[in-house]
C-alpha atoms as a PDB file:
ATOM      1  CA  MET A   1      -0.174   0.072   0.018  1.00  0.00           C
ATOM      2  CA  ASN A   2       1.347   3.539  -0.965  1.00  0.00           C
ATOM      3  CA  TYR A   3       2.459   5.414   2.287  1.00  0.00           C
ATOM      4  CA  LYS A   4       0.767   8.368   0.755  1.00  0.00           C
ATOM      5  CA  SER A   5      -2.768   7.066  -0.145  1.00  0.00           C
ATOM      6  CA  SER A   6      -2.153   5.515   3.495  1.00  0.00           C
ATOM      7  CA  GLY A   7      -1.718   7.985   5.423  1.00  0.00           C
ATOM      8  CA  LYS A   8      -4.848  10.106   3.809  1.00  0.00           C
ATOM      9  CA  THR A   9      -6.789   6.996   4.014  1.00  0.00           C
ATOM     10  CA  TYR A  10      -5.751   6.738   7.477  1.00  0.00           C
ATOM     11  CA  PHE A  11      -6.580  11.061   8.025  1.00  0.00           C
ATOM     12  CA  LEU A  12      -9.928  10.531   7.018  1.00  0.00           C
ATOM     13  CA  VAL A  13     -10.992   7.530   9.365  1.00  0.00           C
ATOM     14  CA  PHE A  14      -9.501   8.784  12.096  1.00  0.00           C
ATOM     15  CA  SER A  15     -11.286  12.221  11.445  1.00  0.00           C
ATOM     16  CA  ALA A  16     -14.619  10.453  11.199  1.00  0.00           C
ATOM     17  CA  ALA A  17     -13.785   8.260  14.103  1.00  0.00           C
ATOM     18  CA  ILE A  18     -13.500  11.193  16.586  1.00  0.00           C
ATOM     19  CA  ALA A  19     -16.437  12.659  14.629  1.00  0.00           C
ATOM     20  CA  ALA A  20     -18.505   9.741  16.101  1.00  0.00           C
ATOM     21  CA  ILE A  21     -17.199   9.728  19.193  1.00  0.00           C
ATOM     22  CA  TYR A  22     -17.435  13.091  20.347  1.00  0.00           C
ATOM     23  CA  THR A  23     -21.001  13.294  19.158  1.00  0.00           C
ATOM     24  CA  VAL A  24     -22.259  10.019  20.529  1.00  0.00           C
ATOM     25  CA  LEU A  25     -20.870  11.345  24.504  1.00  0.00           C
ATOM     26  CA  THR A  26     -22.421  14.466  23.553  1.00  0.00           C
ATOM     27  CA  LEU A  27     -25.965  12.578  22.460  1.00  0.00           C
ATOM     28  CA  ILE A  28     -25.723  10.436  25.522  1.00  0.00           C
ATOM     29  CA  PHE A  29     -25.227  13.082  28.081  1.00  0.00           C
ATOM     30  CA  ALA A  30     -27.159  15.417  26.310  1.00  0.00           C
ATOM     31  CA  PRO A  31     -28.768  16.999  29.210  1.00  0.00           C
ATOM     32  CA  ILE A  32     -25.729  18.162  30.693  1.00  0.00           C
ATOM     33  CA  SER A  33     -24.512  18.988  27.523  1.00  0.00           C
ATOM     34  CA  PHE A  34     -25.900  21.959  26.818  1.00  0.00           C
ATOM     35  CA  GLY A  35     -27.403  24.988  28.738  1.00  0.00           C
ATOM     36  CA  PRO A  36     -25.894  27.885  30.612  1.00  0.00           C
ATOM     37  CA  ILE A  37     -24.078  25.606  33.020  1.00  0.00           C
ATOM     38  CA  GLN A  38     -22.807  22.385  30.949  1.00  0.00           C
ATOM     39  CA  PHE A  39     -20.339  19.476  31.100  1.00  0.00           C
ATOM     40  CA  ARG A  40     -19.296  17.946  27.977  1.00  0.00           C
ATOM     41  CA  ILE A  41     -18.244  14.594  28.389  1.00  0.00           C
ATOM     42  CA  SER A  42     -16.948  14.829  24.840  1.00  0.00           C
ATOM     43  CA  GLU A  43     -14.577  18.021  25.039  1.00  0.00           C
ATOM     44  CA  ILE A  44     -12.166  15.088  26.701  1.00  0.00           C
ATOM     45  CA  LEU A  45     -11.561  14.412  22.941  1.00  0.00           C
ATOM     46  CA  CYS A  46     -10.286  18.351  22.751  1.00  0.00           C
ATOM     47  CA  ILE A  47      -6.708  16.845  24.047  1.00  0.00           C
ATOM     48  CA  LEU A  48      -6.493  14.864  20.695  1.00  0.00           C
ATOM     49  CA  PRO A  49      -4.857  17.449  19.036  1.00  0.00           C
ATOM     50  CA  PHE A  50      -1.290  16.557  20.897  1.00  0.00           C
ATOM     51  CA  PHE A  51      -1.440  13.062  18.545  1.00  0.00           C
ATOM     52  CA  THR A  52      -2.576  13.734  15.877  1.00  0.00           C
ATOM     53  CA  PRO A  53      -3.804  16.450  13.765  1.00  0.00           C
ATOM     54  CA  ALA A  54      -6.709  14.190  12.462  1.00  0.00           C
ATOM     55  CA  ALA A  55      -8.104  15.583  15.445  1.00  0.00           C
ATOM     56  CA  ILE A  56      -8.936  19.445  14.105  1.00  0.00           C
ATOM     57  CA  PRO A  57     -11.855  18.294  11.980  1.00  0.00           C
ATOM     58  CA  GLY A  58     -13.113  15.541  13.714  1.00  0.00           C
ATOM     59  CA  LEU A  59     -13.480  17.654  16.832  1.00  0.00           C
ATOM     60  CA  PHE A  60     -15.164  20.489  14.313  1.00  0.00           C
ATOM     61  CA  ILE A  61     -17.299  18.165  12.471  1.00  0.00           C
ATOM     62  CA  GLY A  62     -18.474  16.217  15.715  1.00  0.00           C
ATOM     63  CA  CYS A  63     -19.221  19.259  17.690  1.00  0.00           C
ATOM     64  CA  LEU A  64     -21.207  20.340  14.549  1.00  0.00           C
ATOM     65  CA  LEU A  65     -22.972  17.342  14.182  1.00  0.00           C
ATOM     66  CA  SER A  66     -23.423  17.078  18.556  1.00  0.00           C
ATOM     67  CA  ASN A  67     -25.155  20.443  18.296  1.00  0.00           C
ATOM     68  CA  PHE A  68     -26.936  20.174  15.376  1.00  0.00           C
ATOM     69  CA  LEU A  69     -28.448  16.903  15.933  1.00  0.00           C
ATOM     70  CA  CYS A  70     -29.655  18.216  19.862  1.00  0.00           C
ATOM     71  CA  GLY A  71     -31.673  20.791  18.201  1.00  0.00           C
ATOM     72  CA  ALA A  72     -29.047  23.778  19.261  1.00  0.00           C
ATOM     73  CA  ALA A  73     -30.084  27.070  17.455  1.00  0.00           C
ATOM     74  CA  ALA A  74     -28.258  28.140  14.273  1.00  0.00           C
ATOM     75  CA  LEU A  75     -26.010  30.415  15.720  1.00  0.00           C
ATOM     76  CA  ASP A  76     -24.984  27.592  18.394  1.00  0.00           C
ATOM     77  CA  VAL A  77     -24.207  25.307  15.496  1.00  0.00           C
ATOM     78  CA  ILE A  78     -22.135  27.836  13.765  1.00  0.00           C
ATOM     79  CA  PHE A  79     -20.413  29.645  16.664  1.00  0.00           C
ATOM     80  CA  GLY A  80     -20.094  26.834  19.339  1.00  0.00           C
ATOM     81  CA  SER A  81     -18.783  24.635  16.582  1.00  0.00           C
ATOM     82  CA  LEU A  82     -16.253  27.835  15.894  1.00  0.00           C
ATOM     83  CA  ALA A  83     -15.330  27.463  18.778  1.00  0.00           C
ATOM     84  CA  THR A  84     -14.163  24.036  19.342  1.00  0.00           C
ATOM     85  CA  LEU A  85     -12.255  24.706  15.659  1.00  0.00           C
ATOM     86  CA  ILE A  86     -10.335  27.641  17.376  1.00  0.00           C
ATOM     87  CA  GLY A  87      -9.699  25.713  20.550  1.00  0.00           C
ATOM     88  CA  ALA A  88      -8.398  22.278  18.432  1.00  0.00           C
ATOM     89  CA  VAL A  89      -6.025  24.153  16.385  1.00  0.00           C
ATOM     90  CA  GLY A  90      -4.718  26.102  19.269  1.00  0.00           C
ATOM     91  CA  SER A  91      -4.148  22.539  21.059  1.00  0.00           C
ATOM     92  CA  TYR A  92      -1.993  21.548  17.661  1.00  0.00           C
ATOM     93  CA  MET A  93      -0.077  24.596  17.675  1.00  0.00           C
ATOM     94  CA  LEU A  94       1.086  23.668  21.513  1.00  0.00           C
ATOM     95  CA  ARG A  95       1.451  20.168  21.128  1.00  0.00           C
ATOM     96  CA  LYS A  96       4.899  20.856  22.009  1.00  0.00           C
ATOM     97  CA  HIS A  97       3.614  20.994  25.595  1.00  0.00           C
ATOM     98  CA  GLN A  98       1.859  18.288  26.956  1.00  0.00           C
ATOM     99  CA  TRP A  99      -0.179  19.994  29.556  1.00  0.00           C
ATOM    100  CA  MET A 100      -0.841  23.533  27.987  1.00  0.00           C
ATOM    101  CA  VAL A 101      -2.690  21.025  24.799  1.00  0.00           C
ATOM    102  CA  CYS A 102      -5.695  21.997  27.577  1.00  0.00           C
ATOM    103  CA  ILE A 103      -5.848  25.638  27.821  1.00  0.00           C
ATOM    104  CA  PRO A 104      -7.239  26.993  23.511  1.00  0.00           C
ATOM    105  CA  PRO A 105     -10.209  24.971  23.926  1.00  0.00           C
ATOM    106  CA  ILE A 106     -10.622  25.966  27.584  1.00  0.00           C
ATOM    107  CA  VAL A 107     -10.039  29.657  26.521  1.00  0.00           C
ATOM    108  CA  ALA A 108     -11.729  29.886  23.502  1.00  0.00           C
ATOM    109  CA  ASN A 109     -15.171  27.898  24.865  1.00  0.00           C
ATOM    110  CA  THR A 110     -15.572  30.119  27.853  1.00  0.00           C
ATOM    111  CA  ILE A 111     -14.961  33.708  25.567  1.00  0.00           C
ATOM    112  CA  ILE A 112     -17.365  32.107  22.650  1.00  0.00           C
ATOM    113  CA  VAL A 113     -20.030  30.387  24.099  1.00  0.00           C
ATOM    114  CA  PRO A 114     -21.685  32.659  26.403  1.00  0.00           C
ATOM    115  CA  TRP A 115     -22.261  35.387  23.351  1.00  0.00           C
ATOM    116  CA  VAL A 116     -23.420  32.486  21.905  1.00  0.00           C
ATOM    117  CA  LEU A 117     -26.168  31.326  24.894  1.00  0.00           C
ATOM    118  CA  ARG A 118     -27.020  35.521  25.132  1.00  0.00           C
ATOM    119  CA  PHE A 119     -27.748  35.918  21.490  1.00  0.00           C
ATOM    120  CA  ALA A 120     -28.967  32.594  20.336  1.00  0.00           C
ATOM    121  CA  TYR A 121     -31.131  31.292  23.276  1.00  0.00           C
ATOM    122  CA  GLY A 122     -31.643  34.791  24.809  1.00  0.00           C
ATOM    123  CA  SER A 123     -29.889  34.059  27.907  1.00  0.00           C
ATOM    124  CA  GLN A 124     -30.427  37.187  30.866  1.00  0.00           C
ATOM    125  CA  ASP A 125     -26.824  35.889  32.777  1.00  0.00           C
ATOM    126  CA  PHE A 126     -24.386  38.290  32.957  1.00  0.00           C
ATOM    127  CA  ILE A 127     -21.820  37.565  30.348  1.00  0.00           C
ATOM    128  CA  TRP A 128     -19.054  37.125  32.907  1.00  0.00           C
ATOM    129  CA  TYR A 129     -21.111  34.834  35.136  1.00  0.00           C
ATOM    130  CA  ALA A 130     -21.895  32.713  31.650  1.00  0.00           C
ATOM    131  CA  MET A 131     -18.105  32.621  31.627  1.00  0.00           C
ATOM    132  CA  ILE A 132     -17.894  31.946  34.965  1.00  0.00           C
ATOM    133  CA  THR A 133     -20.343  28.837  34.161  1.00  0.00           C
ATOM    134  CA  VAL A 134     -19.162  27.362  31.178  1.00  0.00           C
ATOM    135  CA  GLY A 135     -15.514  28.193  32.104  1.00  0.00           C
ATOM    136  CA  VAL A 136     -15.805  25.931  34.853  1.00  0.00           C
ATOM    137  CA  GLY A 137     -17.210  22.874  33.240  1.00  0.00           C
ATOM    138  CA  GLU A 138     -14.454  23.414  30.227  1.00  0.00           C
ATOM    139  CA  ILE A 139     -12.275  23.231  33.329  1.00  0.00           C
ATOM    140  CA  LEU A 140     -13.767  20.345  34.610  1.00  0.00           C
ATOM    141  CA  ALA A 141     -14.157  18.631  31.170  1.00  0.00           C
ATOM    142  CA  ILE A 142     -10.607  19.406  29.608  1.00  0.00           C
ATOM    143  CA  GLY A 143      -8.254  20.839  32.016  1.00  0.00           C
ATOM    144  CA  PHE A 144      -8.939  17.707  34.845  1.00  0.00           C
ATOM    145  CA  LEU A 145     -10.683  14.951  33.001  1.00  0.00           C
ATOM    146  CA  GLY A 146      -8.909  15.811  29.551  1.00  0.00           C
ATOM    147  CA  ASN A 147      -5.252  15.700  31.207  1.00  0.00           C
ATOM    148  CA  ILE A 148      -5.837  12.454  32.752  1.00  0.00           C
ATOM    149  CA  PHE A 149      -7.081  10.920  29.472  1.00  0.00           C
ATOM    150  CA  LEU A 150      -3.907  13.038  28.130  1.00  0.00           C
ATOM    151  CA  GLY A 151      -1.807  11.221  30.203  1.00  0.00           C
ATOM    152  CA  VAL A 152      -3.338   7.600  29.601  1.00  0.00           C
ATOM    153  CA  LEU A 153      -3.194   8.138  26.311  1.00  0.00           C
ATOM    154  CA  ASN A 154       0.298   8.997  26.215  1.00  0.00           C
ATOM    155  CA  ARG A 155       1.250   5.451  27.788  1.00  0.00           C
ATOM    156  CA  TYR A 156      -0.930   3.912  24.817  1.00  0.00           C
ATOM    157  CA  LYS A 157       0.165   6.160  21.453  1.00  0.00           C
ATOM    158  CA  HIS A 158       2.241   3.980  19.566  1.00  0.00           C
ATOM    159  CA  ILE A 159      -0.715   1.571  19.997  1.00  0.00           C
ATOM    160  CA  VAL A 160      -3.320   4.025  19.675  1.00  0.00           C
ATOM    161  CA  PHE A 161      -2.059   6.206  16.581  1.00  0.00           C
ATOM    162  CA  GLY A 162       1.123   3.984  15.267  1.00  0.00           C
ATOM    163  CA  ARG A 163       3.397   5.648  12.899  1.00  0.00           C
ATOM    164  CA  PHE A 164       0.671   8.387  13.107  1.00  0.00           C
ATOM    165  CA  ILE A 165       2.111  10.455  15.844  1.00  0.00           C
ATOM    166  CA  THR A 166       2.883  14.005  15.853  1.00  0.00           C
ATOM    167  CA  GLU A 167       5.928  14.928  17.378  1.00  0.00           C
END
């Protein structure tokens, strides 16, 4: 098999798998995945750009599908997904600093999602209050659980990601 061909196939398959896992996790935990106080278990996957660039489109598409399938407002589907994309790109850019990988998705969601809640859903919460509630959920999901997941995956990265590890 041609390496270039298998590399492209890997990228597509891994992106699709990440999107599917993100979507399924969000749908399973939908009651706590949306709203002013949200805790998306699927955000744990936001550390995956540390291992592979295929996580960037996978996370974006997974968030887009999750928001769409759960009936989110159009602004949420667009800007919530863009927040995830910005966070994933930032995580990939910080992949040389393992414990900083969780910072971009936390910051992107903490800044963008409160504005989405205000304009898409008419939330009456103060923006700073919404930033705190969303930020706490992101810190717990990505900063705490995501870093645990990162540590576990790092032990098995050659098994899970094979020769396609970004280093």
